[in-house]
Amino acid sequence: MTNEVVQIDVVSDVMCPWCYVGKKRLEKALAIIPENILVEINWRPFQLDPTIPPEGRDRQKYLSDKFGSPEQIAEKYDPIRQAGEAEGIPFNFDAIEVSPNTLNAHRLLRWAGEVGLQDAMSERLFVAYFVEAANLTDNAVLVDLAVDIGMEREVVERLFEGEAGLQEVRQEMLQYQQMGVRSVPTMIVGQKYAISGAQQPETIAQVIAGVVEERKAAAQA
Protein backbone atom coordinates (compact mmCIF):
# COMPACT_ATOMS: atom_id res chain seq x y z
CA MET A 1 0.00 0.00 0.00
CA THR A 2 1.46 3.34 -1.08
CA ASN A 3 1.95 5.95 1.60
CA GLU A 4 0.12 9.24 1.18
CA VAL A 5 1.48 12.41 2.78
CA VAL A 6 -1.04 15.05 3.83
CA GLN A 7 0.04 18.46 5.09
CA ILE A 8 -2.00 20.09 7.85
CA ASP A 9 -1.37 23.73 8.66
CA VAL A 10 -2.81 24.51 12.09
CA VAL A 11 -3.42 28.24 12.46
CA SER A 12 -3.39 28.74 16.21
CA ASP A 13 -2.56 30.97 19.16
CA VAL A 14 -0.95 29.64 22.33
CA MET A 15 -3.32 31.69 24.51
CA CYS A 16 -6.37 30.13 22.81
CA PRO A 17 -7.85 27.32 24.94
CA TRP A 18 -9.89 25.95 22.06
CA CYS A 19 -6.62 25.60 20.13
CA TYR A 20 -5.32 23.27 22.84
CA VAL A 21 -8.56 21.28 22.71
CA GLY A 22 -8.21 21.19 18.93
CA LYS A 23 -4.66 19.85 19.21
CA LYS A 24 -5.83 16.94 21.35
CA ARG A 25 -8.66 16.16 18.95
CA LEU A 26 -6.26 16.29 16.01
CA GLU A 27 -4.04 13.78 17.78
CA LYS A 28 -7.03 11.47 18.22
CA ALA A 29 -7.89 11.88 14.54
CA LEU A 30 -4.38 10.85 13.54
CA ALA A 31 -4.80 7.67 15.57
CA ILE A 32 -7.86 6.56 13.58
CA ILE A 33 -6.87 7.37 9.98
CA PRO A 34 -5.45 4.57 7.79
CA GLU A 35 -1.83 3.72 8.54
CA ASN A 36 -0.70 4.58 5.03
CA ILE A 37 -1.69 8.24 5.50
CA LEU A 38 1.26 10.18 6.88
CA VAL A 39 0.48 13.64 8.22
CA GLU A 40 2.90 16.56 8.38
CA ILE A 41 1.75 19.20 10.86
CA ASN A 42 2.86 22.82 10.72
CA TRP A 43 1.85 25.25 13.46
CA ARG A 44 1.04 28.63 11.96
CA PRO A 45 0.83 31.92 13.90
CA PHE A 46 -2.27 33.90 14.80
CA GLN A 47 -2.76 36.44 17.57
CA LEU A 48 -6.16 36.58 19.21
CA ASP A 49 -5.29 40.01 20.53
CA PRO A 50 -2.21 41.71 19.07
CA THR A 51 -3.09 44.89 21.01
CA ILE A 52 -1.89 43.36 24.27
CA PRO A 53 1.37 45.14 25.21
CA PRO A 54 4.65 43.20 25.21
CA GLU A 55 4.56 42.90 29.00
CA GLY A 56 1.04 41.44 28.90
CA ARG A 57 -2.06 42.50 30.82
CA ASP A 58 -3.46 41.55 34.19
CA ARG A 59 -5.58 38.50 33.43
CA GLN A 60 -8.60 39.33 35.59
CA LYS A 61 -8.74 42.92 34.38
CA TYR A 62 -8.39 41.71 30.80
CA LEU A 63 -11.23 39.21 31.14
CA SER A 64 -13.46 41.74 32.89
CA ASP A 65 -12.92 44.27 30.13
CA LYS A 66 -13.58 41.64 27.48
CA PHE A 67 -16.47 39.61 28.93
CA GLY A 68 -17.90 41.56 31.87
CA SER A 69 -18.92 40.16 35.26
CA PRO A 70 -17.48 37.04 36.93
CA GLU A 71 -20.70 35.26 36.00
CA GLN A 72 -20.28 36.19 32.34
CA ILE A 73 -16.65 35.07 32.43
CA ALA A 74 -17.68 31.73 33.96
CA GLU A 75 -20.36 31.31 31.30
CA LYS A 76 -17.68 31.76 28.66
CA TYR A 77 -15.12 29.42 30.21
CA ASP A 78 -17.22 26.60 31.68
CA PRO A 79 -17.79 24.93 28.27
CA ILE A 80 -14.06 25.19 27.54
CA ARG A 81 -13.24 23.61 30.90
CA GLN A 82 -15.66 20.77 30.19
CA ALA A 83 -14.23 20.21 26.71
CA GLY A 84 -10.76 20.17 28.23
CA GLU A 85 -11.73 17.54 30.79
CA ALA A 86 -13.03 15.33 27.97
CA GLU A 87 -9.64 15.62 26.24
CA GLY A 88 -7.55 15.14 29.39
CA ILE A 89 -6.61 18.81 29.73
CA PRO A 90 -6.66 20.08 33.35
CA PHE A 91 -7.26 23.74 32.51
CA ASN A 92 -6.08 25.91 35.40
CA PHE A 93 -7.64 29.21 34.34
CA ASP A 94 -7.91 30.65 37.85
CA ALA A 95 -4.14 30.50 38.36
CA ILE A 96 -3.25 32.49 35.24
CA GLU A 97 -2.13 35.99 36.21
CA VAL A 98 -1.02 37.45 32.89
CA SER A 99 -2.75 37.53 29.50
CA PRO A 100 0.29 37.55 27.20
CA ASN A 101 1.20 39.11 23.94
CA THR A 102 2.10 35.89 22.13
CA LEU A 103 4.36 37.27 19.39
CA ASN A 104 7.56 35.93 20.95
CA ALA A 105 5.93 32.57 21.62
CA HIS A 106 5.17 32.36 17.90
CA ARG A 107 8.78 33.21 17.10
CA LEU A 108 9.83 30.37 19.38
CA LEU A 109 7.46 27.99 17.61
CA ARG A 110 8.98 29.00 14.29
CA TRP A 111 12.52 28.30 15.51
CA ALA A 112 11.39 24.97 16.95
CA GLY A 113 10.04 24.05 13.53
CA GLU A 114 13.45 24.64 12.00
CA VAL A 115 14.91 21.87 14.20
CA GLY A 116 11.97 19.45 13.96
CA LEU A 117 10.55 20.20 17.40
CA GLN A 118 7.54 22.34 16.57
CA ASP A 119 4.82 19.95 17.73
CA ALA A 120 6.64 19.35 21.01
CA MET A 121 7.07 23.11 21.45
CA SER A 122 3.39 23.69 20.82
CA GLU A 123 2.42 21.15 23.49
CA ARG A 124 4.93 22.58 25.98
CA LEU A 125 3.62 26.12 25.49
CA PHE A 126 0.01 25.03 25.94
CA VAL A 127 0.82 23.13 29.13
CA ALA A 128 2.94 25.98 30.47
CA TYR A 129 0.18 28.54 29.99
CA PHE A 130 -3.01 26.64 30.68
CA VAL A 131 -1.84 24.16 33.32
CA GLU A 132 1.23 25.72 34.95
CA ALA A 133 0.00 29.34 34.55
CA ALA A 134 3.41 30.45 33.24
CA ASN A 135 3.99 34.03 32.14
CA LEU A 136 4.60 33.71 28.40
CA THR A 137 5.62 37.36 28.08
CA ASP A 138 8.85 36.56 29.92
CA ASN A 139 11.55 35.53 27.46
CA ALA A 140 13.43 33.73 30.24
CA VAL A 141 10.37 31.52 30.70
CA LEU A 142 10.19 30.88 26.96
CA VAL A 143 13.87 29.94 26.88
CA ASP A 144 13.35 27.44 29.72
CA LEU A 145 10.40 25.90 27.88
CA ALA A 146 12.53 25.55 24.75
CA VAL A 147 15.25 23.81 26.74
CA ASP A 148 12.62 21.45 28.19
CA ILE A 149 11.96 20.02 24.71
CA GLY A 150 15.61 19.76 23.70
CA MET A 151 16.49 23.11 22.13
CA GLU A 152 19.83 24.68 23.00
CA ARG A 153 19.62 27.42 25.62
CA GLU A 154 22.42 29.55 24.19
CA VAL A 155 20.94 29.45 20.70
CA VAL A 156 17.45 30.49 21.82
CA GLU A 157 18.81 33.23 24.08
CA ARG A 158 20.82 34.62 21.20
CA LEU A 159 17.81 34.55 18.88
CA PHE A 160 15.73 36.49 21.40
CA GLU A 161 18.44 39.14 21.69
CA GLY A 162 17.70 40.24 18.13
CA GLU A 163 14.70 40.28 15.85
CA ALA A 164 15.12 36.82 14.35
CA GLY A 165 11.85 35.49 12.98
CA LEU A 166 9.92 38.63 13.84
CA GLN A 167 9.22 39.79 10.31
CA GLU A 168 8.53 36.26 9.12
CA VAL A 169 5.95 35.63 11.85
CA ARG A 170 4.20 38.92 11.17
CA GLN A 171 4.15 38.20 7.44
CA GLU A 172 2.74 34.73 8.02
CA MET A 173 -0.01 36.09 10.26
CA LEU A 174 -0.91 38.61 7.58
CA GLN A 175 -0.95 35.86 4.97
CA TYR A 176 -3.55 33.82 6.85
CA GLN A 177 -5.66 36.89 7.57
CA GLN A 178 -5.67 37.63 3.84
CA MET A 179 -6.72 34.03 3.21
CA GLY A 180 -9.78 34.68 5.36
CA VAL A 181 -8.79 33.11 8.67
CA ARG A 182 -10.67 35.06 11.33
CA SER A 183 -10.76 32.61 14.22
CA VAL A 184 -8.65 29.80 15.62
CA PRO A 185 -8.04 26.97 15.55
CA THR A 186 -8.29 26.68 11.79
CA MET A 187 -6.81 23.54 10.27
CA ILE A 188 -5.98 23.71 6.57
CA VAL A 189 -5.84 20.15 5.28
CA GLY A 190 -3.92 19.31 2.13
CA GLN A 191 -3.55 23.03 1.37
CA LYS A 192 -7.17 22.86 0.24
CA TYR A 193 -9.82 22.39 2.94
CA ALA A 194 -10.20 24.52 6.07
CA ILE A 195 -11.62 23.06 9.28
CA SER A 196 -12.77 25.88 11.51
CA GLY A 197 -12.89 25.37 15.27
CA ALA A 198 -11.96 22.44 17.51
CA GLN A 199 -13.93 19.81 15.60
CA GLN A 200 -14.35 16.21 16.73
CA PRO A 201 -11.65 13.67 15.76
CA GLU A 202 -13.99 11.83 13.40
CA THR A 203 -14.67 15.01 11.44
CA ILE A 204 -10.96 15.79 11.10
CA ALA A 205 -10.20 12.21 10.08
CA GLN A 206 -12.90 12.31 7.40
CA VAL A 207 -11.43 15.44 5.85
CA ILE A 208 -7.92 13.94 5.83
CA ALA A 209 -9.18 10.73 4.23
CA GLY A 210 -11.21 12.76 1.75
CA VAL A 211 -8.10 14.57 0.53
CA VAL A 212 -6.43 11.23 -0.17
CA GLU A 213 -9.50 9.87 -1.96
CA GLU A 214 -9.63 12.98 -4.15
CA ARG A 215 -6.00 12.46 -5.13
CA LYS A 216 -6.68 8.86 -6.07
CA ALA A 217 -9.71 9.83 -8.15
CA ALA A 218 -7.74 12.55 -9.93
CA ALA A 219 -4.91 10.12 -10.68
CA GLN A 220 -7.35 7.67 -12.25
CA ALA A 221 -9.20 10.27 -14.30
C-alpha atoms as a PDB file:
ATOM      1  CA  MET A   1       0.000   0.000   0.000  1.00  0.00           C
ATOM      2  CA  THR A   2       1.457   3.335  -1.076  1.00  0.00           C
ATOM      3  CA  ASN A   3       1.948   5.949   1.602  1.00  0.00           C
ATOM      4  CA  GLU A   4       0.121   9.237   1.183  1.00  0.00           C
ATOM      5  CA  VAL A   5       1.485  12.415   2.780  1.00  0.00           C
ATOM      6  CA  VAL A   6      -1.044  15.049   3.833  1.00  0.00           C
ATOM      7  CA  GLN A   7       0.040  18.455   5.095  1.00  0.00           C
ATOM      8  CA  ILE A   8      -2.002  20.085   7.846  1.00  0.00           C
ATOM      9  CA  ASP A   9      -1.369  23.730   8.662  1.00  0.00           C
ATOM     10  CA  VAL A  10      -2.808  24.507  12.088  1.00  0.00           C
ATOM     11  CA  VAL A  11      -3.422  28.240  12.462  1.00  0.00           C
ATOM     12  CA  SER A  12      -3.392  28.743  16.211  1.00  0.00           C
ATOM     13  CA  ASP A  13      -2.558  30.971  19.161  1.00  0.00           C
ATOM     14  CA  VAL A  14      -0.948  29.642  22.328  1.00  0.00           C
ATOM     15  CA  MET A  15      -3.319  31.692  24.515  1.00  0.00           C
ATOM     16  CA  CYS A  16      -6.371  30.133  22.815  1.00  0.00           C
ATOM     17  CA  PRO A  17      -7.846  27.321  24.944  1.00  0.00           C
ATOM     18  CA  TRP A  18      -9.889  25.952  22.059  1.00  0.00           C
ATOM     19  CA  CYS A  19      -6.620  25.597  20.126  1.00  0.00           C
ATOM     20  CA  TYR A  20      -5.321  23.265  22.835  1.00  0.00           C
ATOM     21  CA  VAL A  21      -8.562  21.277  22.711  1.00  0.00           C
ATOM     22  CA  GLY A  22      -8.212  21.192  18.927  1.00  0.00           C
ATOM     23  CA  LYS A  23      -4.658  19.853  19.212  1.00  0.00           C
ATOM     24  CA  LYS A  24      -5.827  16.944  21.353  1.00  0.00           C
ATOM     25  CA  ARG A  25      -8.660  16.164  18.946  1.00  0.00           C
ATOM     26  CA  LEU A  26      -6.264  16.292  16.008  1.00  0.00           C
ATOM     27  CA  GLU A  27      -4.036  13.781  17.779  1.00  0.00           C
ATOM     28  CA  LYS A  28      -7.029  11.468  18.220  1.00  0.00           C
ATOM     29  CA  ALA A  29      -7.894  11.884  14.542  1.00  0.00           C
ATOM     30  CA  LEU A  30      -4.377  10.849  13.538  1.00  0.00           C
ATOM     31  CA  ALA A  31      -4.803   7.667  15.573  1.00  0.00           C
ATOM     32  CA  ILE A  32      -7.856   6.559  13.577  1.00  0.00           C
ATOM     33  CA  ILE A  33      -6.867   7.372   9.985  1.00  0.00           C
ATOM     34  CA  PRO A  34      -5.450   4.572   7.785  1.00  0.00           C
ATOM     35  CA  GLU A  35      -1.833   3.716   8.542  1.00  0.00           C
ATOM     36  CA  ASN A  36      -0.700   4.576   5.027  1.00  0.00           C
ATOM     37  CA  ILE A  37      -1.692   8.241   5.498  1.00  0.00           C
ATOM     38  CA  LEU A  38       1.259  10.182   6.876  1.00  0.00           C
ATOM     39  CA  VAL A  39       0.480  13.638   8.223  1.00  0.00           C
ATOM     40  CA  GLU A  40       2.901  16.557   8.377  1.00  0.00           C
ATOM     41  CA  ILE A  41       1.753  19.196  10.857  1.00  0.00           C
ATOM     42  CA  ASN A  42       2.859  22.820  10.724  1.00  0.00           C
ATOM     43  CA  TRP A  43       1.853  25.250  13.465  1.00  0.00           C
ATOM     44  CA  ARG A  44       1.036  28.630  11.958  1.00  0.00           C
ATOM     45  CA  PRO A  45       0.830  31.924  13.902  1.00  0.00           C
ATOM     46  CA  PHE A  46      -2.272  33.895  14.797  1.00  0.00           C
ATOM     47  CA  GLN A  47      -2.762  36.442  17.565  1.00  0.00           C
ATOM     48  CA  LEU A  48      -6.159  36.578  19.211  1.00  0.00           C
ATOM     49  CA  ASP A  49      -5.292  40.014  20.532  1.00  0.00           C
ATOM     50  CA  PRO A  50      -2.209  41.711  19.068  1.00  0.00           C
ATOM     51  CA  THR A  51      -3.092  44.890  21.009  1.00  0.00           C
ATOM     52  CA  ILE A  52      -1.890  43.361  24.275  1.00  0.00           C
ATOM     53  CA  PRO A  53       1.367  45.141  25.206  1.00  0.00           C
ATOM     54  CA  PRO A  54       4.653  43.198  25.205  1.00  0.00           C
ATOM     55  CA  GLU A  55       4.558  42.900  29.001  1.00  0.00           C
ATOM     56  CA  GLY A  56       1.038  41.442  28.902  1.00  0.00           C
ATOM     57  CA  ARG A  57      -2.063  42.499  30.819  1.00  0.00           C
ATOM     58  CA  ASP A  58      -3.465  41.554  34.191  1.00  0.00           C
ATOM     59  CA  ARG A  59      -5.584  38.502  33.426  1.00  0.00           C
ATOM     60  CA  GLN A  60      -8.598  39.330  35.591  1.00  0.00           C
ATOM     61  CA  LYS A  61      -8.740  42.921  34.377  1.00  0.00           C
ATOM     62  CA  TYR A  62      -8.389  41.705  30.799  1.00  0.00           C
ATOM     63  CA  LEU A  63     -11.230  39.210  31.144  1.00  0.00           C
ATOM     64  CA  SER A  64     -13.456  41.740  32.895  1.00  0.00           C
ATOM     65  CA  ASP A  65     -12.922  44.273  30.130  1.00  0.00           C
ATOM     66  CA  LYS A  66     -13.584  41.641  27.482  1.00  0.00           C
ATOM     67  CA  PHE A  67     -16.465  39.610  28.925  1.00  0.00           C
ATOM     68  CA  GLY A  68     -17.897  41.555  31.872  1.00  0.00           C
ATOM     69  CA  SER A  69     -18.917  40.158  35.258  1.00  0.00           C
ATOM     70  CA  PRO A  70     -17.481  37.041  36.932  1.00  0.00           C
ATOM     71  CA  GLU A  71     -20.705  35.258  36.001  1.00  0.00           C
ATOM     72  CA  GLN A  72     -20.275  36.194  32.345  1.00  0.00           C
ATOM     73  CA  ILE A  73     -16.654  35.071  32.428  1.00  0.00           C
ATOM     74  CA  ALA A  74     -17.682  31.734  33.956  1.00  0.00           C
ATOM     75  CA  GLU A  75     -20.363  31.313  31.302  1.00  0.00           C
ATOM     76  CA  LYS A  76     -17.677  31.760  28.658  1.00  0.00           C
ATOM     77  CA  TYR A  77     -15.119  29.425  30.208  1.00  0.00           C
ATOM     78  CA  ASP A  78     -17.223  26.600  31.681  1.00  0.00           C
ATOM     79  CA  PRO A  79     -17.789  24.935  28.273  1.00  0.00           C
ATOM     80  CA  ILE A  80     -14.061  25.194  27.544  1.00  0.00           C
ATOM     81  CA  ARG A  81     -13.236  23.614  30.898  1.00  0.00           C
ATOM     82  CA  GLN A  82     -15.657  20.767  30.194  1.00  0.00           C
ATOM     83  CA  ALA A  83     -14.229  20.213  26.714  1.00  0.00           C
ATOM     84  CA  GLY A  84     -10.756  20.175  28.231  1.00  0.00           C
ATOM     85  CA  GLU A  85     -11.729  17.542  30.788  1.00  0.00           C
ATOM     86  CA  ALA A  86     -13.028  15.331  27.975  1.00  0.00           C
ATOM     87  CA  GLU A  87      -9.644  15.625  26.245  1.00  0.00           C
ATOM     88  CA  GLY A  88      -7.553  15.142  29.386  1.00  0.00           C
ATOM     89  CA  ILE A  89      -6.605  18.815  29.732  1.00  0.00           C
ATOM     90  CA  PRO A  90      -6.663  20.078  33.349  1.00  0.00           C
ATOM     91  CA  PHE A  91      -7.260  23.740  32.510  1.00  0.00           C
ATOM     92  CA  ASN A  92      -6.080  25.911  35.403  1.00  0.00           C
ATOM     93  CA  PHE A  93      -7.637  29.213  34.335  1.00  0.00           C
ATOM     94  CA  ASP A  94      -7.913  30.651  37.848  1.00  0.00           C
ATOM     95  CA  ALA A  95      -4.145  30.499  38.363  1.00  0.00           C
ATOM     96  CA  ILE A  96      -3.250  32.487  35.237  1.00  0.00           C
ATOM     97  CA  GLU A  97      -2.134  35.987  36.214  1.00  0.00           C
ATOM     98  CA  VAL A  98      -1.020  37.453  32.885  1.00  0.00           C
ATOM     99  CA  SER A  99      -2.747  37.532  29.500  1.00  0.00           C
ATOM    100  CA  PRO A 100       0.288  37.547  27.203  1.00  0.00           C
ATOM    101  CA  ASN A 101       1.198  39.114  23.936  1.00  0.00           C
ATOM    102  CA  THR A 102       2.101  35.893  22.130  1.00  0.00           C
ATOM    103  CA  LEU A 103       4.358  37.268  19.394  1.00  0.00           C
ATOM    104  CA  ASN A 104       7.564  35.934  20.950  1.00  0.00           C
ATOM    105  CA  ALA A 105       5.931  32.569  21.622  1.00  0.00           C
ATOM    106  CA  HIS A 106       5.169  32.355  17.901  1.00  0.00           C
ATOM    107  CA  ARG A 107       8.784  33.212  17.096  1.00  0.00           C
ATOM    108  CA  LEU A 108       9.835  30.369  19.376  1.00  0.00           C
ATOM    109  CA  LEU A 109       7.458  27.988  17.606  1.00  0.00           C
ATOM    110  CA  ARG A 110       8.980  28.998  14.292  1.00  0.00           C
ATOM    111  CA  TRP A 111      12.516  28.300  15.509  1.00  0.00           C
ATOM    112  CA  ALA A 112      11.393  24.965  16.950  1.00  0.00           C
ATOM    113  CA  GLY A 113      10.038  24.050  13.535  1.00  0.00           C
ATOM    114  CA  GLU A 114      13.451  24.637  12.005  1.00  0.00           C
ATOM    115  CA  VAL A 115      14.911  21.872  14.197  1.00  0.00           C
ATOM    116  CA  GLY A 116      11.974  19.453  13.958  1.00  0.00           C
ATOM    117  CA  LEU A 117      10.549  20.197  17.396  1.00  0.00           C
ATOM    118  CA  GLN A 118       7.535  22.345  16.565  1.00  0.00           C
ATOM    119  CA  ASP A 119       4.820  19.954  17.733  1.00  0.00           C
ATOM    120  CA  ALA A 120       6.644  19.352  21.013  1.00  0.00           C
ATOM    121  CA  MET A 121       7.073  23.107  21.446  1.00  0.00           C
ATOM    122  CA  SER A 122       3.388  23.688  20.817  1.00  0.00           C
ATOM    123  CA  GLU A 123       2.416  21.155  23.490  1.00  0.00           C
ATOM    124  CA  ARG A 124       4.933  22.576  25.977  1.00  0.00           C
ATOM    125  CA  LEU A 125       3.621  26.121  25.494  1.00  0.00           C
ATOM    126  CA  PHE A 126       0.010  25.033  25.942  1.00  0.00           C
ATOM    127  CA  VAL A 127       0.821  23.129  29.134  1.00  0.00           C
ATOM    128  CA  ALA A 128       2.939  25.984  30.467  1.00  0.00           C
ATOM    129  CA  TYR A 129       0.184  28.536  29.987  1.00  0.00           C
ATOM    130  CA  PHE A 130      -3.014  26.636  30.681  1.00  0.00           C
ATOM    131  CA  VAL A 131      -1.844  24.156  33.322  1.00  0.00           C
ATOM    132  CA  GLU A 132       1.226  25.721  34.946  1.00  0.00           C
ATOM    133  CA  ALA A 133       0.004  29.340  34.549  1.00  0.00           C
ATOM    134  CA  ALA A 134       3.412  30.448  33.235  1.00  0.00           C
ATOM    135  CA  ASN A 135       3.990  34.033  32.138  1.00  0.00           C
ATOM    136  CA  LEU A 136       4.603  33.706  28.404  1.00  0.00           C
ATOM    137  CA  THR A 137       5.619  37.364  28.085  1.00  0.00           C
ATOM    138  CA  ASP A 138       8.853  36.557  29.924  1.00  0.00           C
ATOM    139  CA  ASN A 139      11.547  35.526  27.457  1.00  0.00           C
ATOM    140  CA  ALA A 140      13.428  33.731  30.235  1.00  0.00           C
ATOM    141  CA  VAL A 141      10.372  31.521  30.703  1.00  0.00           C
ATOM    142  CA  LEU A 142      10.189  30.881  26.956  1.00  0.00           C
ATOM    143  CA  VAL A 143      13.873  29.936  26.883  1.00  0.00           C
ATOM    144  CA  ASP A 144      13.350  27.444  29.720  1.00  0.00           C
ATOM    145  CA  LEU A 145      10.403  25.899  27.877  1.00  0.00           C
ATOM    146  CA  ALA A 146      12.533  25.553  24.745  1.00  0.00           C
ATOM    147  CA  VAL A 147      15.252  23.807  26.743  1.00  0.00           C
ATOM    148  CA  ASP A 148      12.615  21.453  28.186  1.00  0.00           C
ATOM    149  CA  ILE A 149      11.956  20.019  24.713  1.00  0.00           C
ATOM    150  CA  GLY A 150      15.608  19.758  23.698  1.00  0.00           C
ATOM    151  CA  MET A 151      16.486  23.106  22.135  1.00  0.00           C
ATOM    152  CA  GLU A 152      19.828  24.677  22.999  1.00  0.00           C
ATOM    153  CA  ARG A 153      19.623  27.415  25.617  1.00  0.00           C
ATOM    154  CA  GLU A 154      22.421  29.550  24.186  1.00  0.00           C
ATOM    155  CA  VAL A 155      20.938  29.450  20.696  1.00  0.00           C
ATOM    156  CA  VAL A 156      17.453  30.488  21.824  1.00  0.00           C
ATOM    157  CA  GLU A 157      18.806  33.233  24.084  1.00  0.00           C
ATOM    158  CA  ARG A 158      20.823  34.624  21.198  1.00  0.00           C
ATOM    159  CA  LEU A 159      17.807  34.555  18.881  1.00  0.00           C
ATOM    160  CA  PHE A 160      15.726  36.492  21.398  1.00  0.00           C
ATOM    161  CA  GLU A 161      18.443  39.138  21.687  1.00  0.00           C
ATOM    162  CA  GLY A 162      17.705  40.243  18.132  1.00  0.00           C
ATOM    163  CA  GLU A 163      14.698  40.281  15.848  1.00  0.00           C
ATOM    164  CA  ALA A 164      15.121  36.820  14.353  1.00  0.00           C
ATOM    165  CA  GLY A 165      11.854  35.493  12.975  1.00  0.00           C
ATOM    166  CA  LEU A 166       9.917  38.628  13.838  1.00  0.00           C
ATOM    167  CA  GLN A 167       9.217  39.792  10.309  1.00  0.00           C
ATOM    168  CA  GLU A 168       8.534  36.256   9.117  1.00  0.00           C
ATOM    169  CA  VAL A 169       5.952  35.629  11.847  1.00  0.00           C
ATOM    170  CA  ARG A 170       4.196  38.919  11.166  1.00  0.00           C
ATOM    171  CA  GLN A 171       4.148  38.199   7.438  1.00  0.00           C
ATOM    172  CA  GLU A 172       2.745  34.734   8.020  1.00  0.00           C
ATOM    173  CA  MET A 173      -0.010  36.090  10.258  1.00  0.00           C
ATOM    174  CA  LEU A 174      -0.915  38.614   7.584  1.00  0.00           C
ATOM    175  CA  GLN A 175      -0.950  35.861   4.972  1.00  0.00           C
ATOM    176  CA  TYR A 176      -3.548  33.822   6.853  1.00  0.00           C
ATOM    177  CA  GLN A 177      -5.657  36.890   7.567  1.00  0.00           C
ATOM    178  CA  GLN A 178      -5.667  37.631   3.843  1.00  0.00           C
ATOM    179  CA  MET A 179      -6.716  34.033   3.213  1.00  0.00           C
ATOM    180  CA  GLY A 180      -9.778  34.675   5.357  1.00  0.00           C
ATOM    181  CA  VAL A 181      -8.793  33.106   8.670  1.00  0.00           C
ATOM    182  CA  ARG A 182     -10.674  35.060  11.328  1.00  0.00           C
ATOM    183  CA  SER A 183     -10.759  32.608  14.217  1.00  0.00           C
ATOM    184  CA  VAL A 184      -8.649  29.797  15.619  1.00  0.00           C
ATOM    185  CA  PRO A 185      -8.036  26.970  15.551  1.00  0.00           C
ATOM    186  CA  THR A 186      -8.289  26.677  11.788  1.00  0.00           C
ATOM    187  CA  MET A 187      -6.812  23.536  10.265  1.00  0.00           C
ATOM    188  CA  ILE A 188      -5.976  23.712   6.569  1.00  0.00           C
ATOM    189  CA  VAL A 189      -5.839  20.146   5.275  1.00  0.00           C
ATOM    190  CA  GLY A 190      -3.923  19.307   2.130  1.00  0.00           C
ATOM    191  CA  GLN A 191      -3.550  23.025   1.365  1.00  0.00           C
ATOM    192  CA  LYS A 192      -7.171  22.858   0.243  1.00  0.00           C
ATOM    193  CA  TYR A 193      -9.816  22.387   2.945  1.00  0.00           C
ATOM    194  CA  ALA A 194     -10.203  24.518   6.075  1.00  0.00           C
ATOM    195  CA  ILE A 195     -11.617  23.055   9.275  1.00  0.00           C
ATOM    196  CA  SER A 196     -12.769  25.878  11.513  1.00  0.00           C
ATOM    197  CA  GLY A 197     -12.892  25.371  15.267  1.00  0.00           C
ATOM    198  CA  ALA A 198     -11.964  22.438  17.509  1.00  0.00           C
ATOM    199  CA  GLN A 199     -13.929  19.805  15.604  1.00  0.00           C
ATOM    200  CA  GLN A 200     -14.347  16.213  16.733  1.00  0.00           C
ATOM    201  CA  PRO A 201     -11.646  13.672  15.760  1.00  0.00           C
ATOM    202  CA  GLU A 202     -13.992  11.831  13.403  1.00  0.00           C
ATOM    203  CA  THR A 203     -14.669  15.013  11.437  1.00  0.00           C
ATOM    204  CA  ILE A 204     -10.964  15.787  11.103  1.00  0.00           C
ATOM    205  CA  ALA A 205     -10.196  12.210  10.084  1.00  0.00           C
ATOM    206  CA  GLN A 206     -12.903  12.306   7.398  1.00  0.00           C
ATOM    207  CA  VAL A 207     -11.425  15.442   5.849  1.00  0.00           C
ATOM    208  CA  ILE A 208      -7.925  13.945   5.831  1.00  0.00           C
ATOM    209  CA  ALA A 209      -9.176  10.728   4.231  1.00  0.00           C
ATOM    210  CA  GLY A 210     -11.213  12.762   1.753  1.00  0.00           C
ATOM    211  CA  VAL A 211      -8.104  14.571   0.534  1.00  0.00           C
ATOM    212  CA  VAL A 212      -6.431  11.231  -0.166  1.00  0.00           C
ATOM    213  CA  GLU A 213      -9.502   9.870  -1.962  1.00  0.00           C
ATOM    214  CA  GLU A 214      -9.635  12.984  -4.146  1.00  0.00           C
ATOM    215  CA  ARG A 215      -6.005  12.462  -5.127  1.00  0.00           C
ATOM    216  CA  LYS A 216      -6.684   8.857  -6.071  1.00  0.00           C
ATOM    217  CA  ALA A 217      -9.711   9.832  -8.147  1.00  0.00           C
ATOM    218  CA  ALA A 218      -7.737  12.552  -9.926  1.00  0.00           C
ATOM    219  CA  ALA A 219      -4.910  10.124 -10.679  1.00  0.00           C
ATOM    220  CA  GLN A 220      -7.352   7.666 -12.249  1.00  0.00           C
ATOM    221  CA  ALA A 221      -9.198  10.267 -14.302  1.00  0.00           C
END
